[in-house]
Amino acid sequence: MNTRNESRSSNVRENNMREDQWTFEEPDALALPDSVKAMFDAEGMAYRWIRLSVRGVDDVLNIGKRLQEGWILVQSDEVPELAISSSVRDEGRYQGAVCRGDLALAKMPAGKVKAKRKFYEDKANDMMDAVNSQLMKSSDSRMPITNSSRSVTTRGRQPSFQD
């Protein structure tokens, strides 16, 4: 009987040690499996989630703009790995699209995405140059203007959670 107590207490101790090593992270509803990411990379495609509707009403302006930019909705037969964790539109204009909630998975050639990003970065830089040149135009030798500003660009915002 004594050996039984010892083995039970050692099991409890092992279970307590395992619990200390566990961690929890909130699941990302929009995360894709590594196999799907690798498939898109191999095809030279970039992916993103595009909003299809707001409060149950199709967001025609948003999806129309994204389709004009060159985004293509990913069909369910392209990514069978997502069948378990995603829904597929059965009817309507987005039939067959892989969706999570009111978002649909879309793809575009990665080169086109880079070109689009560069276009908008160049456009923003041109605007900043125009503002700076307009500022320097009004500079006077009696009261010179110096521009010591710096521009910092960030993408998105970092989520903050309460503990």
N, C-alpha and C. Protein backbone atom coordinates (compact mmCIF):
# COMPACT_ATOMS: atom_id res chain seq x y z
N MET A 1 0.83 -1.19 0.00
CA MET A 1 0.00 0.00 0.00
C MET A 1 0.86 1.25 0.00
N ASN A 2 1.98 1.15 0.59
CA ASN A 2 2.90 2.27 0.64
C ASN A 2 3.42 2.63 -0.75
N THR A 3 3.69 1.63 -1.58
CA THR A 3 4.19 1.88 -2.94
C THR A 3 3.11 2.54 -3.78
N ARG A 4 1.89 2.19 -3.50
CA ARG A 4 0.79 2.80 -4.24
C ARG A 4 0.73 4.30 -3.98
N ASN A 5 0.88 4.73 -2.75
CA ASN A 5 0.88 6.15 -2.41
C ASN A 5 2.05 6.89 -3.04
N GLU A 6 3.20 6.24 -3.05
CA GLU A 6 4.38 6.88 -3.65
C GLU A 6 4.18 7.10 -5.15
N SER A 7 3.65 6.08 -5.83
CA SER A 7 3.47 6.23 -7.27
C SER A 7 2.40 7.26 -7.59
N ARG A 8 1.36 7.31 -6.77
CA ARG A 8 0.32 8.30 -6.99
C ARG A 8 0.86 9.71 -6.77
N SER A 9 1.64 9.92 -5.72
CA SER A 9 2.20 11.25 -5.46
C SER A 9 3.20 11.64 -6.54
N SER A 10 3.93 10.69 -7.09
CA SER A 10 4.85 11.03 -8.17
C SER A 10 4.09 11.40 -9.44
N ASN A 11 2.95 10.74 -9.69
CA ASN A 11 2.12 11.10 -10.85
C ASN A 11 1.56 12.49 -10.70
N VAL A 12 1.10 12.83 -9.51
CA VAL A 12 0.57 14.16 -9.25
C VAL A 12 1.66 15.20 -9.48
N ARG A 13 2.86 14.90 -8.98
CA ARG A 13 3.98 15.83 -9.14
C ARG A 13 4.30 16.02 -10.63
N GLU A 14 4.30 14.93 -11.43
CA GLU A 14 4.57 15.03 -12.86
C GLU A 14 3.50 15.86 -13.56
N ASN A 15 2.24 15.66 -13.19
CA ASN A 15 1.15 16.43 -13.79
C ASN A 15 1.28 17.91 -13.47
N ASN A 16 1.67 18.23 -12.22
CA ASN A 16 1.85 19.62 -11.84
C ASN A 16 2.98 20.26 -12.63
N MET A 17 4.05 19.51 -12.85
CA MET A 17 5.17 20.04 -13.62
C MET A 17 4.74 20.30 -15.07
N ARG A 18 3.95 19.44 -15.66
CA ARG A 18 3.48 19.63 -17.03
C ARG A 18 2.59 20.87 -17.15
N GLU A 19 1.74 21.09 -16.15
CA GLU A 19 0.84 22.24 -16.18
C GLU A 19 1.63 23.55 -16.15
N ASP A 20 2.75 23.57 -15.45
CA ASP A 20 3.56 24.78 -15.40
C ASP A 20 4.17 25.10 -16.76
N GLN A 21 4.36 24.10 -17.59
CA GLN A 21 4.99 24.30 -18.89
C GLN A 21 3.99 24.67 -19.98
N TRP A 22 2.70 24.59 -19.71
CA TRP A 22 1.69 24.88 -20.71
C TRP A 22 1.58 26.38 -20.92
N THR A 23 1.32 26.77 -22.14
CA THR A 23 1.04 28.17 -22.44
C THR A 23 -0.21 28.23 -23.29
N PHE A 24 -0.83 29.38 -23.32
CA PHE A 24 -2.03 29.55 -24.12
C PHE A 24 -1.89 30.82 -24.93
N GLU A 25 -2.24 30.73 -26.20
CA GLU A 25 -2.31 31.89 -27.06
C GLU A 25 -3.69 31.91 -27.69
N GLU A 26 -4.27 33.08 -27.76
CA GLU A 26 -5.58 33.20 -28.38
C GLU A 26 -5.46 32.84 -29.85
N PRO A 27 -6.32 31.97 -30.36
CA PRO A 27 -6.20 31.56 -31.76
C PRO A 27 -6.49 32.72 -32.72
N ASP A 28 -5.74 32.76 -33.81
CA ASP A 28 -5.93 33.77 -34.84
C ASP A 28 -6.91 33.23 -35.86
N ALA A 29 -8.09 33.82 -35.93
CA ALA A 29 -9.15 33.32 -36.82
C ALA A 29 -8.77 33.44 -38.29
N LEU A 30 -7.83 34.31 -38.62
CA LEU A 30 -7.48 34.51 -40.03
C LEU A 30 -6.16 33.84 -40.42
N ALA A 31 -5.56 33.11 -39.51
CA ALA A 31 -4.30 32.43 -39.81
C ALA A 31 -4.53 31.29 -40.79
N LEU A 32 -3.61 31.14 -41.71
CA LEU A 32 -3.67 30.05 -42.68
C LEU A 32 -2.65 28.98 -42.31
N PRO A 33 -2.95 27.72 -42.61
CA PRO A 33 -1.96 26.66 -42.36
C PRO A 33 -0.70 26.90 -43.18
N ASP A 34 0.43 26.41 -42.66
CA ASP A 34 1.70 26.59 -43.36
C ASP A 34 1.69 25.98 -44.75
N SER A 35 0.96 24.88 -44.94
CA SER A 35 0.90 24.24 -46.25
C SER A 35 0.23 25.16 -47.28
N VAL A 36 -0.80 25.90 -46.86
CA VAL A 36 -1.48 26.82 -47.77
C VAL A 36 -0.57 28.01 -48.09
N LYS A 37 0.12 28.53 -47.07
CA LYS A 37 1.06 29.63 -47.30
C LYS A 37 2.14 29.20 -48.28
N ALA A 38 2.68 27.98 -48.10
CA ALA A 38 3.72 27.47 -48.98
C ALA A 38 3.20 27.32 -50.41
N MET A 39 1.95 26.90 -50.55
CA MET A 39 1.36 26.76 -51.88
C MET A 39 1.28 28.12 -52.58
N PHE A 40 0.82 29.14 -51.85
CA PHE A 40 0.74 30.47 -52.44
C PHE A 40 2.12 30.98 -52.82
N ASP A 41 3.11 30.76 -51.95
CA ASP A 41 4.48 31.18 -52.24
C ASP A 41 5.02 30.48 -53.49
N ALA A 42 4.76 29.17 -53.61
CA ALA A 42 5.24 28.41 -54.76
C ALA A 42 4.62 28.90 -56.06
N GLU A 43 3.38 29.36 -55.98
CA GLU A 43 2.69 29.89 -57.16
C GLU A 43 3.07 31.34 -57.44
N GLY A 44 3.83 31.96 -56.53
CA GLY A 44 4.18 33.38 -56.68
C GLY A 44 3.02 34.31 -56.40
N MET A 45 2.15 33.88 -55.51
CA MET A 45 0.94 34.66 -55.19
C MET A 45 1.00 35.20 -53.76
N ALA A 46 0.44 36.36 -53.59
CA ALA A 46 0.23 36.94 -52.26
C ALA A 46 -1.24 36.71 -51.91
N TYR A 47 -1.57 36.72 -50.64
CA TYR A 47 -2.96 36.51 -50.24
C TYR A 47 -3.36 37.54 -49.20
N ARG A 48 -4.65 37.74 -49.08
CA ARG A 48 -5.20 38.60 -48.03
C ARG A 48 -6.68 38.29 -47.89
N TRP A 49 -7.24 38.74 -46.79
CA TRP A 49 -8.67 38.58 -46.54
C TRP A 49 -9.36 39.87 -46.96
N ILE A 50 -10.44 39.76 -47.71
CA ILE A 50 -11.17 40.92 -48.21
C ILE A 50 -12.59 40.90 -47.63
N ARG A 51 -13.05 42.05 -47.17
CA ARG A 51 -14.39 42.16 -46.59
C ARG A 51 -15.44 42.04 -47.69
N LEU A 52 -16.39 41.12 -47.51
CA LEU A 52 -17.47 40.94 -48.46
C LEU A 52 -18.75 41.65 -48.03
N SER A 53 -18.97 41.71 -46.72
CA SER A 53 -20.23 42.29 -46.26
C SER A 53 -20.04 42.99 -44.92
N VAL A 54 -20.97 43.89 -44.65
CA VAL A 54 -21.01 44.59 -43.38
C VAL A 54 -22.42 44.44 -42.84
N ARG A 55 -22.54 43.83 -41.67
CA ARG A 55 -23.84 43.61 -41.02
C ARG A 55 -24.82 42.90 -41.95
N GLY A 56 -24.30 41.92 -42.69
CA GLY A 56 -25.16 41.10 -43.54
C GLY A 56 -25.48 41.69 -44.91
N VAL A 57 -25.00 42.90 -45.18
CA VAL A 57 -25.25 43.54 -46.47
C VAL A 57 -23.95 43.52 -47.26
N ASP A 58 -24.02 43.04 -48.52
CA ASP A 58 -22.83 42.98 -49.36
C ASP A 58 -22.17 44.35 -49.48
N ASP A 59 -20.87 44.39 -49.27
CA ASP A 59 -20.09 45.63 -49.41
C ASP A 59 -19.58 45.70 -50.85
N VAL A 60 -20.45 46.06 -51.75
CA VAL A 60 -20.17 46.04 -53.19
C VAL A 60 -19.04 47.00 -53.54
N LEU A 61 -18.97 48.15 -52.90
CA LEU A 61 -17.91 49.11 -53.21
C LEU A 61 -16.54 48.55 -52.86
N ASN A 62 -16.41 47.95 -51.68
CA ASN A 62 -15.12 47.40 -51.26
C ASN A 62 -14.68 46.24 -52.15
N ILE A 63 -15.56 45.28 -52.34
CA ILE A 63 -15.17 44.11 -53.12
C ILE A 63 -14.93 44.48 -54.57
N GLY A 64 -15.71 45.43 -55.10
CA GLY A 64 -15.50 45.90 -56.47
C GLY A 64 -14.13 46.55 -56.64
N LYS A 65 -13.76 47.37 -55.67
CA LYS A 65 -12.45 48.03 -55.71
C LYS A 65 -11.32 47.01 -55.66
N ARG A 66 -11.45 46.02 -54.77
CA ARG A 66 -10.40 45.00 -54.64
C ARG A 66 -10.28 44.16 -55.91
N LEU A 67 -11.40 43.82 -56.53
CA LEU A 67 -11.36 43.04 -57.76
C LEU A 67 -10.74 43.86 -58.89
N GLN A 68 -11.01 45.17 -58.93
CA GLN A 68 -10.39 46.05 -59.93
C GLN A 68 -8.88 46.14 -59.73
N GLU A 69 -8.44 46.09 -58.48
CA GLU A 69 -7.00 46.13 -58.19
C GLU A 69 -6.30 44.87 -58.67
N GLY A 70 -7.05 43.79 -58.87
CA GLY A 70 -6.46 42.56 -59.35
C GLY A 70 -6.56 41.38 -58.41
N TRP A 71 -7.23 41.56 -57.29
CA TRP A 71 -7.40 40.45 -56.36
C TRP A 71 -8.39 39.46 -56.95
N ILE A 72 -8.12 38.17 -56.76
CA ILE A 72 -8.96 37.09 -57.26
C ILE A 72 -9.41 36.27 -56.07
N LEU A 73 -10.72 36.03 -55.95
CA LEU A 73 -11.23 35.24 -54.83
C LEU A 73 -10.77 33.80 -54.98
N VAL A 74 -10.29 33.23 -53.89
CA VAL A 74 -9.80 31.85 -53.87
C VAL A 74 -11.00 30.92 -53.76
N GLN A 75 -11.06 29.95 -54.65
CA GLN A 75 -12.16 28.98 -54.68
C GLN A 75 -11.83 27.80 -53.76
N SER A 76 -12.86 27.15 -53.28
CA SER A 76 -12.68 26.07 -52.30
C SER A 76 -11.89 24.90 -52.87
N ASP A 77 -11.98 24.63 -54.18
CA ASP A 77 -11.24 23.50 -54.74
C ASP A 77 -9.74 23.78 -54.83
N GLU A 78 -9.33 25.04 -54.70
CA GLU A 78 -7.91 25.39 -54.72
C GLU A 78 -7.23 25.09 -53.39
N VAL A 79 -7.97 25.19 -52.31
CA VAL A 79 -7.41 24.99 -50.96
C VAL A 79 -8.32 24.06 -50.14
N PRO A 80 -8.30 22.76 -50.46
CA PRO A 80 -9.16 21.84 -49.70
C PRO A 80 -8.79 21.75 -48.22
N GLU A 81 -7.57 22.19 -47.86
CA GLU A 81 -7.14 22.16 -46.46
C GLU A 81 -8.00 23.08 -45.58
N LEU A 82 -8.61 24.08 -46.19
CA LEU A 82 -9.39 25.05 -45.42
C LEU A 82 -10.85 24.65 -45.29
N ALA A 83 -11.22 23.50 -45.80
CA ALA A 83 -12.63 23.08 -45.75
C ALA A 83 -13.14 22.94 -44.32
N ILE A 84 -12.29 22.53 -43.40
CA ILE A 84 -12.72 22.32 -42.01
C ILE A 84 -12.88 23.65 -41.28
N SER A 85 -11.94 24.58 -41.49
CA SER A 85 -11.92 25.80 -40.70
C SER A 85 -12.57 26.99 -41.39
N SER A 86 -13.10 26.82 -42.59
CA SER A 86 -13.70 27.93 -43.32
C SER A 86 -15.05 27.51 -43.88
N SER A 87 -15.81 28.49 -44.29
CA SER A 87 -17.08 28.20 -44.97
C SER A 87 -16.93 28.55 -46.45
N VAL A 88 -17.79 27.99 -47.24
CA VAL A 88 -17.77 28.25 -48.67
C VAL A 88 -19.13 28.81 -49.06
N ARG A 89 -19.13 29.90 -49.81
CA ARG A 89 -20.39 30.50 -50.25
C ARG A 89 -21.09 29.54 -51.20
N ASP A 90 -22.33 29.21 -50.89
CA ASP A 90 -23.10 28.27 -51.71
C ASP A 90 -23.86 28.96 -52.83
N GLU A 91 -24.13 30.22 -52.66
CA GLU A 91 -24.95 30.92 -53.65
C GLU A 91 -24.53 32.37 -53.75
N GLY A 92 -25.07 33.05 -54.71
CA GLY A 92 -24.78 34.47 -54.88
C GLY A 92 -23.59 34.70 -55.77
N ARG A 93 -23.20 35.96 -55.86
CA ARG A 93 -22.13 36.34 -56.78
C ARG A 93 -20.75 35.86 -56.36
N TYR A 94 -20.58 35.49 -55.09
CA TYR A 94 -19.29 35.02 -54.60
C TYR A 94 -19.31 33.51 -54.36
N GLN A 95 -20.11 32.79 -55.12
CA GLN A 95 -20.27 31.35 -54.95
C GLN A 95 -18.93 30.63 -55.10
N GLY A 96 -18.65 29.74 -54.16
CA GLY A 96 -17.43 28.96 -54.18
C GLY A 96 -16.25 29.61 -53.47
N ALA A 97 -16.39 30.86 -53.04
CA ALA A 97 -15.29 31.58 -52.37
C ALA A 97 -15.10 31.04 -50.95
N VAL A 98 -13.84 30.94 -50.54
CA VAL A 98 -13.49 30.51 -49.19
C VAL A 98 -13.67 31.70 -48.26
N CYS A 99 -14.51 31.55 -47.25
CA CYS A 99 -14.85 32.67 -46.36
C CYS A 99 -14.67 32.29 -44.90
N ARG A 100 -14.40 33.30 -44.11
CA ARG A 100 -14.43 33.20 -42.65
C ARG A 100 -15.19 34.43 -42.17
N GLY A 101 -16.40 34.17 -41.73
CA GLY A 101 -17.26 35.28 -41.33
C GLY A 101 -17.64 36.09 -42.55
N ASP A 102 -17.40 37.39 -42.50
CA ASP A 102 -17.73 38.26 -43.63
C ASP A 102 -16.51 38.57 -44.49
N LEU A 103 -15.45 37.77 -44.35
CA LEU A 103 -14.22 37.96 -45.12
C LEU A 103 -14.02 36.81 -46.09
N ALA A 104 -13.47 37.11 -47.26
CA ALA A 104 -13.16 36.09 -48.25
C ALA A 104 -11.67 36.11 -48.53
N LEU A 105 -11.09 34.94 -48.75
CA LEU A 105 -9.68 34.81 -49.07
C LEU A 105 -9.48 35.17 -50.53
N ALA A 106 -8.48 36.02 -50.79
CA ALA A 106 -8.19 36.45 -52.15
C ALA A 106 -6.70 36.33 -52.40
N LYS A 107 -6.33 36.24 -53.68
CA LYS A 107 -4.93 36.13 -54.06
C LYS A 107 -4.64 37.07 -55.22
N MET A 108 -3.35 37.41 -55.36
CA MET A 108 -2.88 38.28 -56.43
C MET A 108 -1.41 37.94 -56.66
N PRO A 109 -0.91 38.04 -57.89
CA PRO A 109 0.52 37.82 -58.10
C PRO A 109 1.35 38.73 -57.19
N ALA A 110 2.36 38.14 -56.55
CA ALA A 110 3.18 38.87 -55.58
C ALA A 110 3.87 40.07 -56.22
N GLY A 111 4.29 39.95 -57.47
CA GLY A 111 4.94 41.07 -58.16
C GLY A 111 4.00 42.25 -58.31
N LYS A 112 2.74 41.98 -58.56
CA LYS A 112 1.75 43.06 -58.69
C LYS A 112 1.52 43.75 -57.34
N VAL A 113 1.55 42.97 -56.27
CA VAL A 113 1.39 43.55 -54.93
C VAL A 113 2.57 44.47 -54.62
N LYS A 114 3.79 44.02 -54.95
CA LYS A 114 4.98 44.85 -54.72
C LYS A 114 4.93 46.12 -55.55
N ALA A 115 4.50 46.01 -56.81
CA ALA A 115 4.40 47.19 -57.68
C ALA A 115 3.38 48.18 -57.14
N LYS A 116 2.26 47.67 -56.63
CA LYS A 116 1.21 48.53 -56.06
C LYS A 116 1.75 49.26 -54.83
N ARG A 117 2.46 48.51 -53.96
CA ARG A 117 3.02 49.11 -52.76
C ARG A 117 4.03 50.20 -53.12
N LYS A 118 4.90 49.92 -54.10
CA LYS A 118 5.89 50.90 -54.52
C LYS A 118 5.22 52.13 -55.11
N PHE A 119 4.16 51.94 -55.91
CA PHE A 119 3.43 53.07 -56.49
C PHE A 119 2.93 54.01 -55.40
N TYR A 120 2.30 53.45 -54.37
CA TYR A 120 1.75 54.30 -53.31
C TYR A 120 2.84 54.91 -52.43
N GLU A 121 3.95 54.21 -52.24
CA GLU A 121 5.07 54.79 -51.49
C GLU A 121 5.66 55.97 -52.27
N ASP A 122 5.84 55.81 -53.59
CA ASP A 122 6.36 56.90 -54.42
C ASP A 122 5.40 58.08 -54.41
N LYS A 123 4.11 57.81 -54.46
CA LYS A 123 3.11 58.88 -54.45
C LYS A 123 3.17 59.66 -53.13
N ALA A 124 3.30 58.95 -52.03
CA ALA A 124 3.41 59.61 -50.72
C ALA A 124 4.70 60.42 -50.63
N ASN A 125 5.81 59.88 -51.15
CA ASN A 125 7.07 60.62 -51.12
C ASN A 125 7.00 61.88 -51.98
N ASP A 126 6.35 61.80 -53.14
CA ASP A 126 6.16 62.98 -53.98
C ASP A 126 5.36 64.05 -53.27
N MET A 127 4.32 63.64 -52.54
CA MET A 127 3.52 64.61 -51.79
C MET A 127 4.35 65.28 -50.70
N MET A 128 5.16 64.49 -49.99
CA MET A 128 5.99 65.07 -48.94
C MET A 128 7.03 66.03 -49.52
N ASP A 129 7.59 65.68 -50.67
CA ASP A 129 8.55 66.58 -51.34
C ASP A 129 7.88 67.88 -51.74
N ALA A 130 6.63 67.81 -52.23
CA ALA A 130 5.90 69.02 -52.61
C ALA A 130 5.63 69.90 -51.39
N VAL A 131 5.25 69.31 -50.29
CA VAL A 131 4.99 70.07 -49.06
C VAL A 131 6.28 70.73 -48.58
N ASN A 132 7.38 69.98 -48.59
CA ASN A 132 8.66 70.53 -48.14
C ASN A 132 9.14 71.66 -49.05
N SER A 133 8.98 71.49 -50.36
CA SER A 133 9.42 72.57 -51.26
C SER A 133 8.56 73.82 -51.09
N GLN A 134 7.27 73.64 -50.85
CA GLN A 134 6.38 74.79 -50.60
C GLN A 134 6.79 75.49 -49.30
N LEU A 135 7.18 74.73 -48.31
CA LEU A 135 7.62 75.30 -47.04
C LEU A 135 8.91 76.09 -47.23
N MET A 136 9.85 75.53 -47.97
CA MET A 136 11.14 76.19 -48.17
C MET A 136 11.02 77.42 -49.06
N LYS A 137 10.00 77.47 -49.92
CA LYS A 137 9.77 78.63 -50.78
C LYS A 137 9.49 79.88 -49.97
N SER A 138 8.80 79.68 -48.85
CA SER A 138 8.44 80.84 -48.03
C SER A 138 9.51 81.19 -47.00
N SER A 139 10.67 80.58 -47.10
CA SER A 139 11.76 80.87 -46.17
C SER A 139 12.35 82.25 -46.49
N ASP A 140 12.72 82.97 -45.47
CA ASP A 140 13.30 84.31 -45.61
C ASP A 140 14.66 84.29 -44.93
N SER A 141 15.64 85.00 -45.51
CA SER A 141 16.99 84.99 -44.94
C SER A 141 17.02 85.64 -43.55
N ARG A 142 16.08 86.53 -43.29
CA ARG A 142 16.03 87.15 -41.96
C ARG A 142 15.49 86.20 -40.92
N MET A 143 14.65 85.29 -41.35
CA MET A 143 14.09 84.29 -40.44
C MET A 143 13.99 82.96 -41.20
N PRO A 144 15.12 82.27 -41.30
CA PRO A 144 15.15 81.05 -42.12
C PRO A 144 14.33 79.92 -41.50
N ILE A 145 13.79 79.11 -42.38
CA ILE A 145 13.03 77.94 -41.96
C ILE A 145 13.91 76.72 -42.15
N THR A 146 13.99 75.92 -41.13
CA THR A 146 14.72 74.66 -41.26
C THR A 146 13.73 73.52 -41.06
N ASN A 147 13.88 72.51 -41.84
CA ASN A 147 12.99 71.36 -41.74
C ASN A 147 13.76 70.19 -41.13
N SER A 148 13.49 69.92 -39.89
CA SER A 148 14.16 68.81 -39.21
C SER A 148 13.18 67.68 -38.90
N SER A 149 12.07 67.66 -39.65
CA SER A 149 11.06 66.62 -39.40
C SER A 149 11.52 65.29 -39.97
N ARG A 150 11.02 64.24 -39.37
CA ARG A 150 11.30 62.89 -39.85
C ARG A 150 9.97 62.17 -39.99
N SER A 151 9.92 61.33 -40.98
CA SER A 151 8.70 60.58 -41.23
C SER A 151 8.90 59.13 -40.83
N VAL A 152 7.94 58.59 -40.10
CA VAL A 152 8.00 57.20 -39.68
C VAL A 152 6.71 56.53 -40.16
N THR A 153 6.86 55.41 -40.83
CA THR A 153 5.70 54.69 -41.35
C THR A 153 5.55 53.38 -40.61
N THR A 154 4.34 53.12 -40.16
CA THR A 154 4.04 51.84 -39.52
C THR A 154 2.87 51.22 -40.24
N ARG A 155 2.83 49.89 -40.24
CA ARG A 155 1.73 49.18 -40.89
C ARG A 155 0.80 48.63 -39.84
N GLY A 156 -0.42 49.09 -39.85
CA GLY A 156 -1.40 48.59 -38.89
C GLY A 156 -1.07 49.01 -37.49
N ARG A 157 -1.86 48.56 -36.58
CA ARG A 157 -1.58 48.88 -35.19
C ARG A 157 -1.46 47.58 -34.42
N GLN A 158 -0.66 47.62 -33.40
CA GLN A 158 -0.44 46.45 -32.57
C GLN A 158 -1.65 46.29 -31.65
N PRO A 159 -2.20 45.09 -31.58
CA PRO A 159 -3.33 44.89 -30.67
C PRO A 159 -2.86 44.94 -29.21
N SER A 160 -3.71 45.47 -28.38
CA SER A 160 -3.39 45.48 -26.95
C SER A 160 -4.54 44.78 -26.23
N PHE A 161 -4.19 43.92 -25.31
CA PHE A 161 -5.18 43.15 -24.60
C PHE A 161 -5.03 43.38 -23.11
N GLN A 162 -6.14 43.33 -22.42
CA GLN A 162 -6.11 43.45 -20.97
C GLN A 162 -5.82 42.08 -20.38
N ASP A 163 -5.03 42.06 -19.35
CA ASP A 163 -4.71 40.78 -18.70
C ASP A 163 -5.78 40.38 -17.73
